[in-house]
């Protein structure tokens, strides 16, 4: 399977971005996905998870209330809506298929004034 992220960029504090993760090579609708991020010099950390039942989601404490994970099974795509971005949200955001060693290449998010 393959995951390809996009949608990152350089923004100012308070701005929003929508990240996309397009999946290919495996049945999408039954799979669960997570977004992780890795800041410079830090370990990769979990941000959000969405299960095959799209209403079942999980968020890290730092993501709750600001980020929203969603999926479109018709497009084989997982999204991560980022709002009220802050400098500490800077990092490379990765898409991951749960229970498989399948990761995307990452998309860079940089938040600075």
Protein backbone atom coordinates (compact mmCIF):
# COMPACT_ATOMS: atom_id res chain seq x y z
CA UNK A 1 0.00 0.00 0.00
CA UNK A 2 0.94 3.63 -0.45
CA UNK A 3 0.06 6.89 1.31
CA UNK A 4 0.76 10.33 -0.14
CA UNK A 5 0.34 13.45 1.97
CA UNK A 6 -0.12 17.01 0.76
CA UNK A 7 -1.41 20.38 1.92
CA UNK A 8 1.37 21.58 4.18
CA UNK A 9 2.84 25.05 3.98
CA UNK A 10 4.17 28.10 5.79
CA UNK A 11 1.53 30.06 7.67
CA UNK A 12 1.17 32.62 10.43
CA UNK A 13 -0.15 31.97 13.95
CA UNK A 14 -3.93 31.69 13.93
CA UNK A 15 -4.09 30.45 10.33
CA UNK A 16 -5.59 27.18 9.10
CA UNK A 17 -4.49 24.39 6.78
CA UNK A 18 -6.06 21.20 5.48
CA UNK A 19 -3.79 18.22 5.04
CA UNK A 20 -4.73 15.36 2.72
CA UNK A 21 -3.56 11.75 2.62
CA UNK A 22 -4.42 9.78 -0.49
CA UNK A 23 -4.25 6.00 -0.14
CA UNK A 24 -3.70 3.40 -2.84
CA UNK A 25 -3.02 -0.31 -3.13
CA UNK A 26 -5.29 -1.65 -0.40
CA UNK A 27 -8.98 -1.61 0.58
CA UNK A 28 -9.53 1.86 1.99
CA UNK A 29 -12.97 1.73 3.58
CA UNK A 30 -12.08 -0.92 6.16
CA UNK A 31 -8.81 0.65 7.22
CA UNK A 32 -8.06 2.96 10.13
CA UNK A 33 -5.62 5.84 9.85
CA UNK A 34 -3.67 8.18 12.07
CA UNK A 35 -1.86 11.45 11.63
CA UNK A 36 1.43 11.91 13.44
CA UNK A 37 3.81 14.85 13.51
CA UNK A 38 7.50 15.27 14.20
CA UNK A 39 8.99 18.57 15.28
CA UNK A 40 12.70 19.28 14.75
CA UNK A 41 14.75 17.41 17.34
CA UNK A 42 11.73 15.66 18.83
CA UNK A 43 10.14 12.25 18.58
CA UNK A 44 7.21 11.58 16.31
CA UNK A 45 3.94 12.06 18.21
CA UNK A 46 0.35 11.00 17.64
CA UNK A 47 -2.09 13.71 16.59
CA UNK A 48 -5.36 12.01 15.61
CA UNK A 49 -6.90 8.68 14.56
CA UNK A 50 -9.98 7.83 12.56
CA UNK A 51 -11.45 4.33 12.39
CA UNK A 52 -13.38 2.65 9.59
CA UNK A 53 -16.50 3.88 11.32
CA UNK A 54 -15.79 7.51 10.55
CA UNK A 55 -17.62 8.77 13.60
CA UNK A 56 -15.05 7.10 15.85
CA UNK A 57 -12.05 9.38 16.25
CA UNK A 58 -9.31 10.04 18.79
CA UNK A 59 -7.18 13.12 19.40
CA UNK A 60 -4.10 14.04 21.36
CA UNK A 61 -4.60 16.66 24.04
CA UNK A 62 -2.79 19.25 21.90
CA UNK A 63 -5.11 18.57 18.95
CA UNK A 64 -8.46 18.54 20.73
CA UNK A 65 -10.63 21.49 19.82
CA UNK A 66 -8.31 22.74 17.05
CA UNK A 67 -7.77 19.83 14.65
CA UNK A 68 -10.35 17.63 12.94
CA UNK A 69 -9.67 14.29 11.25
CA UNK A 70 -12.08 13.04 8.60
CA UNK A 71 -12.21 10.66 5.67
CA UNK A 72 -13.80 10.34 2.24
CA UNK A 73 -14.04 6.69 1.25
CA UNK A 74 -15.05 7.59 -2.32
CA UNK A 75 -11.75 9.42 -2.76
CA UNK A 76 -9.62 7.07 -0.61
CA UNK A 77 -8.50 10.16 1.27
CA UNK A 78 -8.00 11.06 4.91
CA UNK A 79 -7.96 14.73 5.92
CA UNK A 80 -6.61 16.66 8.86
CA UNK A 81 -8.09 20.14 9.26
CA UNK A 82 -5.74 22.33 11.29
CA UNK A 83 -7.10 25.55 12.79
CA UNK A 84 -5.65 28.24 15.06
CA UNK A 85 -2.16 27.03 14.24
CA UNK A 86 0.62 27.97 16.64
CA UNK A 87 4.42 27.86 16.33
CA UNK A 88 4.52 24.68 18.41
CA UNK A 89 2.49 22.95 15.68
CA UNK A 90 5.47 23.22 13.35
CA UNK A 91 6.74 19.90 12.07
CA UNK A 92 6.42 17.22 9.45
CA UNK A 93 2.97 15.63 9.44
CA UNK A 94 2.74 11.97 8.49
CA UNK A 95 -0.18 9.74 7.57
CA UNK A 96 -0.13 6.16 8.89
CA UNK A 97 -2.28 3.12 8.27
CA UNK A 98 -3.02 1.48 11.62
CA UNK A 99 -1.74 -2.06 12.21
CA UNK A 100 0.48 -1.91 9.12
CA UNK A 101 3.92 -0.48 8.58
CA UNK A 102 2.58 1.94 6.02
CA UNK A 103 3.59 5.59 6.23
CA UNK A 104 3.54 8.50 3.85
CA UNK A 105 6.53 10.68 3.06
CA UNK A 106 5.23 13.56 5.18
CA UNK A 107 4.19 17.15 4.52
CA UNK A 108 5.87 20.12 6.21
CA UNK A 109 3.86 22.58 8.30
CA UNK A 110 5.66 25.71 9.45
CA UNK A 111 3.98 28.27 11.69
CA UNK A 112 5.82 31.52 12.33
CA UNK A 113 5.21 35.24 12.40
